[in-house]
Amino acid sequence: MKIYLLGLLAGDGTKYLGRNGRYCVWIDQQLSNIKILEKAKNILDSLGFNTFFYKIPGNKKRVLVYSKQLFQEFSNMTENLTKFFRSLTKEEKNEFIAGFLDAEGTVTDRVVIYNKDRKLLENIKEFLITEYGIICYIYHFGKIFGLQIYRKNSINTLKRVIKDSIKLSPISD
């Protein structure tokens, strides 16, 4: 579950060192994605963090943690996301992808994971092809890239992988 959380943070997380010396880490989501925030809060609570869950402007909610430990772990991970992803086990990669998909993904008749880090998307693509035979492509959309999966059998395989690694993801329903 912790790796799912790191995937979610890699996509939608924010870290901030306040002028008062407080280490802040948070995740914002639209109210329509409240289940993702509730899951993040539950994971953070189970890891012993004191979480704050509240509404912010723009029809959004936030889960906030004041923690030097989480701030440093998040900072170390985001220093080189590709290297971090490569260091994970197969099961951890599945969990990371589930969190990253919840943060950066769009699920319609296809699955697209959007991000600026092309190298990370290339590594996820290589992993999905090598481990599961999931056919995916990377496209350029302005300043960001999208890892796109649109073949039905590949989407179904991804659903199975996500379901096995995490019980809550928009694609796992």
N, C-alpha and C. Protein backbone atom coordinates (compact mmCIF):
# COMPACT_ATOMS: atom_id res chain seq x y z
N MET A 1 0.81 -1.20 0.00
CA MET A 1 0.00 0.00 0.00
C MET A 1 0.85 1.27 0.00
N LYS A 2 2.02 1.18 0.63
CA LYS A 2 2.88 2.36 0.67
C LYS A 2 3.36 2.73 -0.74
N ILE A 3 3.66 1.74 -1.57
CA ILE A 3 4.14 2.02 -2.92
C ILE A 3 3.00 2.62 -3.75
N TYR A 4 1.77 2.17 -3.54
CA TYR A 4 0.61 2.80 -4.19
C TYR A 4 0.60 4.29 -3.84
N LEU A 5 0.78 4.60 -2.56
CA LEU A 5 0.79 5.98 -2.10
C LEU A 5 1.90 6.78 -2.78
N LEU A 6 3.08 6.18 -2.92
CA LEU A 6 4.18 6.87 -3.59
C LEU A 6 3.87 7.12 -5.06
N GLY A 7 3.18 6.17 -5.71
CA GLY A 7 2.75 6.39 -7.09
C GLY A 7 1.77 7.55 -7.18
N LEU A 8 0.85 7.60 -6.24
CA LEU A 8 -0.12 8.70 -6.18
C LEU A 8 0.59 10.03 -5.95
N LEU A 9 1.55 10.04 -5.02
CA LEU A 9 2.31 11.26 -4.76
C LEU A 9 3.14 11.68 -5.97
N ALA A 10 3.72 10.69 -6.67
CA ALA A 10 4.53 11.01 -7.85
C ALA A 10 3.69 11.74 -8.90
N GLY A 11 2.40 11.44 -8.95
CA GLY A 11 1.53 12.10 -9.91
C GLY A 11 0.90 13.37 -9.41
N ASP A 12 0.25 13.31 -8.24
CA ASP A 12 -0.53 14.45 -7.76
C ASP A 12 -0.03 15.05 -6.46
N GLY A 13 1.07 14.55 -5.95
CA GLY A 13 1.56 15.03 -4.66
C GLY A 13 2.31 16.35 -4.76
N THR A 14 2.31 17.06 -3.65
CA THR A 14 3.04 18.32 -3.54
C THR A 14 3.78 18.30 -2.21
N LYS A 15 4.99 18.83 -2.23
CA LYS A 15 5.76 18.96 -0.99
C LYS A 15 6.16 20.42 -0.83
N TYR A 16 6.26 20.83 0.42
CA TYR A 16 6.57 22.24 0.68
C TYR A 16 7.24 22.35 2.05
N LEU A 17 8.34 23.07 2.08
CA LEU A 17 9.00 23.36 3.35
C LEU A 17 8.62 24.78 3.72
N GLY A 18 7.81 24.89 4.76
CA GLY A 18 7.31 26.19 5.18
C GLY A 18 8.38 27.06 5.82
N ARG A 19 8.14 28.36 5.85
CA ARG A 19 9.09 29.29 6.48
C ARG A 19 9.24 29.00 7.97
N ASN A 20 8.22 28.37 8.53
CA ASN A 20 8.27 28.01 9.95
C ASN A 20 9.00 26.69 10.19
N GLY A 21 9.57 26.10 9.12
CA GLY A 21 10.33 24.86 9.25
C GLY A 21 9.48 23.61 9.22
N ARG A 22 8.21 23.74 8.90
CA ARG A 22 7.32 22.57 8.86
C ARG A 22 7.40 21.92 7.49
N TYR A 23 7.52 20.60 7.50
CA TYR A 23 7.59 19.81 6.29
C TYR A 23 6.19 19.35 5.92
N CYS A 24 5.69 19.78 4.77
CA CYS A 24 4.32 19.48 4.37
C CYS A 24 4.32 18.60 3.11
N VAL A 25 3.42 17.63 3.09
CA VAL A 25 3.17 16.82 1.91
C VAL A 25 1.66 16.72 1.78
N TRP A 26 1.15 16.96 0.55
CA TRP A 26 -0.29 16.85 0.38
C TRP A 26 -0.67 16.36 -1.00
N ILE A 27 -1.91 15.94 -1.09
CA ILE A 27 -2.51 15.50 -2.35
C ILE A 27 -3.86 16.18 -2.46
N ASP A 28 -4.12 16.80 -3.60
CA ASP A 28 -5.41 17.41 -3.89
C ASP A 28 -6.13 16.58 -4.95
N GLN A 29 -7.45 16.52 -4.84
CA GLN A 29 -8.28 15.84 -5.84
C GLN A 29 -9.62 16.56 -5.95
N GLN A 30 -10.22 16.48 -7.11
CA GLN A 30 -11.57 16.96 -7.30
C GLN A 30 -12.51 16.14 -6.42
N LEU A 31 -13.62 16.71 -6.02
CA LEU A 31 -14.57 15.97 -5.19
C LEU A 31 -15.06 14.69 -5.88
N SER A 32 -15.05 14.68 -7.20
CA SER A 32 -15.47 13.48 -7.94
C SER A 32 -14.49 12.32 -7.75
N ASN A 33 -13.27 12.62 -7.30
CA ASN A 33 -12.26 11.59 -7.05
C ASN A 33 -12.03 11.37 -5.56
N ILE A 34 -13.04 11.60 -4.76
CA ILE A 34 -12.89 11.56 -3.31
C ILE A 34 -12.42 10.20 -2.81
N LYS A 35 -12.78 9.11 -3.50
CA LYS A 35 -12.37 7.77 -3.05
C LYS A 35 -10.84 7.63 -3.06
N ILE A 36 -10.20 8.27 -4.02
CA ILE A 36 -8.74 8.21 -4.09
C ILE A 36 -8.14 8.90 -2.86
N LEU A 37 -8.67 10.07 -2.50
CA LEU A 37 -8.17 10.77 -1.32
C LEU A 37 -8.44 10.00 -0.05
N GLU A 38 -9.62 9.39 0.04
CA GLU A 38 -9.94 8.59 1.22
C GLU A 38 -8.97 7.42 1.36
N LYS A 39 -8.65 6.79 0.25
CA LYS A 39 -7.68 5.69 0.27
C LYS A 39 -6.31 6.21 0.71
N ALA A 40 -5.88 7.34 0.17
CA ALA A 40 -4.59 7.93 0.57
C ALA A 40 -4.58 8.24 2.06
N LYS A 41 -5.66 8.80 2.57
CA LYS A 41 -5.75 9.11 4.00
C LYS A 41 -5.67 7.84 4.84
N ASN A 42 -6.37 6.80 4.42
CA ASN A 42 -6.33 5.53 5.16
C ASN A 42 -4.92 4.94 5.18
N ILE A 43 -4.23 5.02 4.06
CA ILE A 43 -2.86 4.51 4.00
C ILE A 43 -1.96 5.33 4.92
N LEU A 44 -2.07 6.65 4.83
CA LEU A 44 -1.25 7.52 5.68
C LEU A 44 -1.54 7.26 7.16
N ASP A 45 -2.82 7.11 7.51
CA ASP A 45 -3.19 6.81 8.90
C ASP A 45 -2.60 5.48 9.34
N SER A 46 -2.67 4.47 8.47
CA SER A 46 -2.15 3.15 8.83
C SER A 46 -0.63 3.16 8.99
N LEU A 47 0.04 4.12 8.35
CA LEU A 47 1.49 4.26 8.49
C LEU A 47 1.87 5.11 9.70
N GLY A 48 0.86 5.57 10.44
CA GLY A 48 1.10 6.31 11.67
C GLY A 48 1.21 7.82 11.51
N PHE A 49 0.86 8.34 10.35
CA PHE A 49 0.91 9.77 10.14
C PHE A 49 -0.38 10.42 10.65
N ASN A 50 -0.24 11.63 11.16
CA ASN A 50 -1.40 12.42 11.57
C ASN A 50 -1.85 13.21 10.34
N THR A 51 -3.01 12.86 9.79
CA THR A 51 -3.47 13.46 8.54
C THR A 51 -4.55 14.50 8.78
N PHE A 52 -4.60 15.44 7.87
CA PHE A 52 -5.65 16.46 7.86
C PHE A 52 -6.37 16.34 6.53
N PHE A 53 -7.69 16.29 6.58
CA PHE A 53 -8.52 16.06 5.40
C PHE A 53 -9.53 17.19 5.35
N TYR A 54 -9.47 18.05 4.34
CA TYR A 54 -10.35 19.22 4.31
C TYR A 54 -10.61 19.70 2.90
N LYS A 55 -11.64 20.52 2.76
CA LYS A 55 -12.04 21.10 1.48
C LYS A 55 -11.17 22.31 1.21
N ILE A 56 -10.80 22.50 -0.06
CA ILE A 56 -10.07 23.68 -0.48
C ILE A 56 -10.83 24.32 -1.64
N PRO A 57 -10.51 25.55 -1.99
CA PRO A 57 -11.23 26.22 -3.09
C PRO A 57 -11.13 25.44 -4.40
N GLY A 58 -12.15 25.58 -5.21
CA GLY A 58 -12.15 24.95 -6.52
C GLY A 58 -12.78 23.58 -6.53
N ASN A 59 -13.71 23.33 -5.62
CA ASN A 59 -14.42 22.04 -5.59
C ASN A 59 -13.46 20.87 -5.40
N LYS A 60 -12.48 21.08 -4.52
CA LYS A 60 -11.46 20.07 -4.26
C LYS A 60 -11.37 19.75 -2.78
N LYS A 61 -10.71 18.62 -2.51
CA LYS A 61 -10.35 18.26 -1.14
C LYS A 61 -8.86 17.97 -1.10
N ARG A 62 -8.31 18.04 0.11
CA ARG A 62 -6.88 17.84 0.30
C ARG A 62 -6.64 16.91 1.48
N VAL A 63 -5.64 16.05 1.33
CA VAL A 63 -5.10 15.28 2.44
C VAL A 63 -3.70 15.83 2.67
N LEU A 64 -3.45 16.29 3.90
CA LEU A 64 -2.19 16.95 4.24
C LEU A 64 -1.53 16.23 5.41
N VAL A 65 -0.21 16.11 5.34
CA VAL A 65 0.59 15.53 6.41
C VAL A 65 1.76 16.45 6.68
N TYR A 66 2.02 16.71 7.96
CA TYR A 66 3.24 17.40 8.36
C TYR A 66 4.21 16.32 8.79
N SER A 67 5.24 16.08 7.98
CA SER A 67 6.17 15.00 8.29
C SER A 67 7.49 15.21 7.54
N LYS A 68 8.55 15.33 8.29
CA LYS A 68 9.88 15.43 7.68
C LYS A 68 10.23 14.12 6.98
N GLN A 69 9.88 13.00 7.60
CA GLN A 69 10.18 11.67 7.04
C GLN A 69 9.53 11.49 5.67
N LEU A 70 8.22 11.77 5.57
CA LEU A 70 7.52 11.62 4.29
C LEU A 70 8.03 12.63 3.27
N PHE A 71 8.29 13.85 3.71
CA PHE A 71 8.83 14.89 2.84
C PHE A 71 10.15 14.42 2.21
N GLN A 72 11.04 13.87 3.04
CA GLN A 72 12.35 13.42 2.54
C GLN A 72 12.20 12.22 1.62
N GLU A 73 11.33 11.28 1.98
CA GLU A 73 11.12 10.11 1.13
C GLU A 73 10.55 10.53 -0.23
N PHE A 74 9.59 11.44 -0.21
CA PHE A 74 8.99 11.97 -1.44
C PHE A 74 10.05 12.71 -2.26
N SER A 75 10.88 13.52 -1.61
CA SER A 75 11.94 14.26 -2.30
C SER A 75 12.94 13.31 -2.94
N ASN A 76 13.36 12.30 -2.21
CA ASN A 76 14.32 11.32 -2.74
C ASN A 76 13.75 10.60 -3.95
N MET A 77 12.47 10.22 -3.87
CA MET A 77 11.83 9.51 -4.96
C MET A 77 11.75 10.39 -6.21
N THR A 78 11.32 11.63 -6.05
CA THR A 78 11.11 12.51 -7.20
C THR A 78 12.40 13.06 -7.78
N GLU A 79 13.51 12.89 -7.06
CA GLU A 79 14.80 13.31 -7.58
C GLU A 79 15.11 12.58 -8.89
N ASN A 80 14.75 11.29 -8.95
CA ASN A 80 14.91 10.52 -10.17
C ASN A 80 13.85 9.42 -10.18
N LEU A 81 12.67 9.76 -10.67
CA LEU A 81 11.55 8.82 -10.67
C LEU A 81 11.84 7.56 -11.47
N THR A 82 12.56 7.70 -12.56
CA THR A 82 12.88 6.54 -13.40
C THR A 82 13.73 5.55 -12.62
N LYS A 83 14.75 6.05 -11.95
CA LYS A 83 15.61 5.20 -11.14
C LYS A 83 14.81 4.54 -10.01
N PHE A 84 13.95 5.31 -9.38
CA PHE A 84 13.10 4.77 -8.31
C PHE A 84 12.23 3.64 -8.86
N PHE A 85 11.57 3.88 -9.98
CA PHE A 85 10.70 2.86 -10.57
C PHE A 85 11.48 1.60 -10.89
N ARG A 86 12.65 1.76 -11.47
CA ARG A 86 13.48 0.59 -11.82
C ARG A 86 13.90 -0.22 -10.61
N SER A 87 14.01 0.43 -9.46
CA SER A 87 14.47 -0.26 -8.24
C SER A 87 13.38 -1.12 -7.60
N LEU A 88 12.14 -0.98 -8.05
CA LEU A 88 11.03 -1.69 -7.44
C LEU A 88 10.94 -3.14 -7.93
N THR A 89 10.36 -4.00 -7.09
CA THR A 89 10.07 -5.36 -7.51
C THR A 89 8.89 -5.35 -8.47
N LYS A 90 8.61 -6.47 -9.09
CA LYS A 90 7.47 -6.57 -10.01
C LYS A 90 6.17 -6.18 -9.31
N GLU A 91 5.94 -6.71 -8.12
CA GLU A 91 4.71 -6.41 -7.39
C GLU A 91 4.64 -4.94 -7.00
N GLU A 92 5.79 -4.38 -6.60
CA GLU A 92 5.82 -2.96 -6.24
C GLU A 92 5.57 -2.08 -7.47
N LYS A 93 6.10 -2.48 -8.62
CA LYS A 93 5.84 -1.73 -9.85
C LYS A 93 4.35 -1.72 -10.17
N ASN A 94 3.69 -2.87 -10.00
CA ASN A 94 2.25 -2.95 -10.22
C ASN A 94 1.52 -1.96 -9.31
N GLU A 95 1.92 -1.93 -8.04
CA GLU A 95 1.28 -1.05 -7.06
C GLU A 95 1.55 0.42 -7.38
N PHE A 96 2.79 0.73 -7.77
CA PHE A 96 3.15 2.09 -8.15
C PHE A 96 2.31 2.55 -9.34
N ILE A 97 2.20 1.68 -10.35
CA ILE A 97 1.42 2.02 -11.54
C ILE A 97 -0.04 2.27 -11.16
N ALA A 98 -0.58 1.48 -10.24
CA ALA A 98 -1.97 1.69 -9.79
C ALA A 98 -2.14 3.08 -9.19
N GLY A 99 -1.21 3.50 -8.32
CA GLY A 99 -1.28 4.84 -7.72
C GLY A 99 -1.04 5.93 -8.74
N PHE A 100 -0.08 5.71 -9.62
CA PHE A 100 0.25 6.69 -10.65
C PHE A 100 -0.92 6.86 -11.62
N LEU A 101 -1.58 5.75 -11.95
CA LEU A 101 -2.75 5.80 -12.81
C LEU A 101 -3.89 6.57 -12.15
N ASP A 102 -4.09 6.35 -10.84
CA ASP A 102 -5.13 7.11 -10.13
C ASP A 102 -4.83 8.60 -10.16
N ALA A 103 -3.55 8.96 -10.10
CA ALA A 103 -3.18 10.37 -10.10
C ALA A 103 -3.17 10.98 -11.49
N GLU A 104 -2.61 10.28 -12.45
CA GLU A 104 -2.33 10.87 -13.75
C GLU A 104 -3.13 10.27 -14.90
N GLY A 105 -3.99 9.32 -14.59
CA GLY A 105 -4.66 8.59 -15.65
C GLY A 105 -6.04 9.07 -16.01
N THR A 106 -6.41 8.74 -17.22
CA THR A 106 -7.76 8.94 -17.72
C THR A 106 -8.22 7.60 -18.27
N VAL A 107 -9.42 7.21 -17.87
CA VAL A 107 -9.96 5.93 -18.32
C VAL A 107 -11.27 6.20 -19.05
N THR A 108 -11.27 5.90 -20.35
CA THR A 108 -12.50 5.99 -21.16
C THR A 108 -12.57 4.67 -21.92
N ASP A 109 -12.65 4.73 -23.23
CA ASP A 109 -12.56 3.50 -24.02
C ASP A 109 -11.10 3.07 -24.14
N ARG A 110 -10.22 3.87 -23.60
CA ARG A 110 -8.78 3.61 -23.56
C ARG A 110 -8.24 4.09 -22.22
N VAL A 111 -7.01 3.76 -21.95
CA VAL A 111 -6.34 4.23 -20.73
C VAL A 111 -5.17 5.08 -21.16
N VAL A 112 -5.07 6.28 -20.59
CA VAL A 112 -3.93 7.15 -20.88
C VAL A 112 -3.38 7.65 -19.56
N ILE A 113 -2.07 7.53 -19.40
CA ILE A 113 -1.38 8.09 -18.24
C ILE A 113 -0.55 9.26 -18.75
N TYR A 114 -0.88 10.46 -18.28
CA TYR A 114 -0.21 11.69 -18.73
C TYR A 114 0.87 12.09 -17.73
N ASN A 115 2.03 12.52 -18.26
CA ASN A 115 3.07 13.02 -17.39
C ASN A 115 4.15 13.70 -18.23
N LYS A 116 4.91 14.60 -17.59
CA LYS A 116 6.01 15.29 -18.28
C LYS A 116 7.25 14.41 -18.40
N ASP A 117 7.37 13.41 -17.53
CA ASP A 117 8.58 12.59 -17.46
C ASP A 117 8.51 11.45 -18.47
N ARG A 118 8.99 11.72 -19.66
CA ARG A 118 8.94 10.71 -20.73
C ARG A 118 9.73 9.45 -20.36
N LYS A 119 10.88 9.63 -19.70
CA LYS A 119 11.69 8.47 -19.32
C LYS A 119 10.92 7.53 -18.40
N LEU A 120 10.20 8.10 -17.45
CA LEU A 120 9.40 7.27 -16.55
C LEU A 120 8.33 6.52 -17.34
N LEU A 121 7.64 7.23 -18.22
CA LEU A 121 6.61 6.58 -19.04
C LEU A 121 7.21 5.50 -19.93
N GLU A 122 8.40 5.72 -20.45
CA GLU A 122 9.08 4.70 -21.26
C GLU A 122 9.38 3.46 -20.43
N ASN A 123 9.79 3.67 -19.18
CA ASN A 123 10.08 2.54 -18.30
C ASN A 123 8.81 1.78 -17.93
N ILE A 124 7.73 2.50 -17.70
CA ILE A 124 6.45 1.84 -17.41
C ILE A 124 6.00 1.05 -18.63
N LYS A 125 6.12 1.66 -19.79
CA LYS A 125 5.76 0.99 -21.05
C LYS A 125 6.56 -0.30 -21.22
N GLU A 126 7.86 -0.22 -21.06
CA GLU A 126 8.73 -1.39 -21.21
C GLU A 126 8.33 -2.49 -20.22
N PHE A 127 8.05 -2.11 -18.99
CA PHE A 127 7.63 -3.08 -17.98
C PHE A 127 6.32 -3.75 -18.36
N LEU A 128 5.33 -2.96 -18.78
CA LEU A 128 4.02 -3.52 -19.14
C LEU A 128 4.12 -4.46 -20.34
N ILE A 129 4.93 -4.10 -21.32
CA ILE A 129 5.11 -4.95 -22.50
C ILE A 129 5.85 -6.23 -22.12
N THR A 130 6.96 -6.09 -21.42
CA THR A 130 7.80 -7.24 -21.08
C THR A 130 7.11 -8.22 -20.14
N GLU A 131 6.49 -7.69 -19.09
CA GLU A 131 5.90 -8.56 -18.06
C GLU A 131 4.53 -9.12 -18.44
N TYR A 132 3.74 -8.33 -19.17
CA TYR A 132 2.34 -8.71 -19.37
C TYR A 132 1.90 -8.72 -20.83
N GLY A 133 2.76 -8.28 -21.73
CA GLY A 133 2.37 -8.22 -23.14
C GLY A 133 1.35 -7.13 -23.42
N ILE A 134 1.27 -6.14 -22.55
CA ILE A 134 0.33 -5.03 -22.72
C ILE A 134 0.89 -4.09 -23.79
N ILE A 135 0.16 -3.94 -24.87
CA ILE A 135 0.58 -3.07 -25.96
C ILE A 135 0.22 -1.63 -25.61
N CYS A 136 1.24 -0.77 -25.59
CA CYS A 136 1.00 0.64 -25.26
C CYS A 136 1.94 1.52 -26.08
N TYR A 137 1.54 2.74 -26.23
CA TYR A 137 2.26 3.70 -27.06
C TYR A 137 2.42 5.00 -26.28
N ILE A 138 3.46 5.74 -26.60
CA ILE A 138 3.66 7.05 -25.98
C ILE A 138 3.50 8.12 -27.06
N TYR A 139 2.64 9.07 -26.75
CA TYR A 139 2.38 10.18 -27.65
C TYR A 139 2.76 11.49 -26.97
N HIS A 140 3.03 12.48 -27.76
CA HIS A 140 3.39 13.81 -27.27
C HIS A 140 2.16 14.71 -27.35
N PHE A 141 1.78 15.31 -26.23
CA PHE A 141 0.64 16.22 -26.17
C PHE A 141 1.14 17.57 -25.64
N GLY A 142 1.60 18.42 -26.50
CA GLY A 142 2.14 19.71 -26.05
C GLY A 142 3.38 19.50 -25.20
N LYS A 143 3.32 19.94 -23.94
CA LYS A 143 4.47 19.82 -23.04
C LYS A 143 4.49 18.51 -22.26
N ILE A 144 3.46 17.70 -22.44
CA ILE A 144 3.40 16.44 -21.70
C ILE A 144 3.32 15.26 -22.65
N PHE A 145 3.47 14.08 -22.09
CA PHE A 145 3.40 12.85 -22.85
C PHE A 145 2.27 11.99 -22.30
N GLY A 146 1.77 11.12 -23.12
CA GLY A 146 0.71 10.22 -22.69
C GLY A 146 1.04 8.79 -23.07
N LEU A 147 1.07 7.92 -22.09
CA LEU A 147 1.22 6.49 -22.34
C LEU A 147 -0.19 5.96 -22.55
N GLN A 148 -0.46 5.49 -23.76
CA GLN A 148 -1.82 5.14 -24.16
C GLN A 148 -1.96 3.64 -24.41
N ILE A 149 -3.03 3.09 -23.84
CA ILE A 149 -3.37 1.68 -24.03
C ILE A 149 -4.79 1.68 -24.57
N TYR A 150 -4.97 1.12 -25.78
CA TYR A 150 -6.32 1.14 -26.34
C TYR A 150 -6.80 -0.19 -26.86
N ARG A 151 -5.96 -1.20 -26.89
CA ARG A 151 -6.42 -2.53 -27.30
C ARG A 151 -7.17 -3.17 -26.15
N LYS A 152 -8.34 -3.72 -26.45
CA LYS A 152 -9.20 -4.30 -25.41
C LYS A 152 -8.48 -5.35 -24.58
N ASN A 153 -7.76 -6.26 -25.23
CA ASN A 153 -7.09 -7.32 -24.46
C ASN A 153 -5.99 -6.74 -23.56
N SER A 154 -5.32 -5.67 -23.98
CA SER A 154 -4.31 -5.02 -23.14
C SER A 154 -4.95 -4.30 -21.96
N ILE A 155 -6.10 -3.65 -22.21
CA ILE A 155 -6.82 -2.98 -21.12
C ILE A 155 -7.29 -4.01 -20.10
N ASN A 156 -7.83 -5.13 -20.57
CA ASN A 156 -8.29 -6.18 -19.65
C ASN A 156 -7.13 -6.75 -18.84
N THR A 157 -5.97 -6.93 -19.46
CA THR A 157 -4.80 -7.42 -18.73
C THR A 157 -4.38 -6.40 -17.67
N LEU A 158 -4.37 -5.12 -18.04
CA LEU A 158 -4.02 -4.07 -17.07
C LEU A 158 -5.02 -4.06 -15.91
N LYS A 159 -6.29 -4.21 -16.21
CA LYS A 159 -7.31 -4.28 -15.15
C LYS A 159 -7.00 -5.40 -14.17
N ARG A 160 -6.64 -6.55 -14.70
CA ARG A 160 -6.33 -7.70 -13.85
C ARG A 160 -5.09 -7.42 -12.99
N VAL A 161 -4.08 -6.83 -13.58
CA VAL A 161 -2.85 -6.51 -12.85
C VAL A 161 -3.13 -5.52 -11.73
N ILE A 162 -3.89 -4.48 -12.05
CA ILE A 162 -4.24 -3.45 -11.06
C ILE A 162 -5.09 -4.06 -9.95
N LYS A 163 -6.10 -4.84 -10.33
CA LYS A 163 -6.98 -5.46 -9.34
C LYS A 163 -6.21 -6.34 -8.38
N ASP A 164 -5.24 -7.07 -8.90
CA ASP A 164 -4.44 -7.96 -8.06
C ASP A 164 -3.53 -7.19 -7.11
N SER A 165 -3.10 -5.98 -7.51
CA SER A 165 -2.15 -5.25 -6.68
C SER A 165 -2.82 -4.25 -5.74
N ILE A 166 -3.95 -3.73 -6.12
CA ILE A 166 -4.65 -2.71 -5.35
C ILE A 166 -6.13 -2.89 -5.56
N LYS A 167 -6.89 -2.67 -4.54
CA LYS A 167 -8.33 -2.91 -4.65
C LYS A 167 -9.12 -1.67 -5.06
N LEU A 168 -8.48 -0.52 -5.15
CA LEU A 168 -9.20 0.68 -5.55
C LEU A 168 -8.43 1.43 -6.63
N SER A 169 -9.00 1.46 -7.79
CA SER A 169 -8.45 2.21 -8.91
C SER A 169 -9.60 2.40 -9.88
N PRO A 170 -9.68 3.53 -10.58
CA PRO A 170 -10.81 3.71 -11.48
C PRO A 170 -10.86 2.63 -12.55
N ILE A 171 -9.72 2.07 -12.89
CA ILE A 171 -9.69 1.05 -13.92
C ILE A 171 -10.09 -0.32 -13.37
N SER A 172 -10.02 -0.51 -12.05
CA SER A 172 -10.27 -1.84 -11.48
C SER A 172 -11.75 -2.12 -11.29
N ASP A 173 -12.60 -1.15 -11.48
CA ASP A 173 -14.03 -1.36 -11.27
C ASP A 173 -14.67 -2.14 -12.38
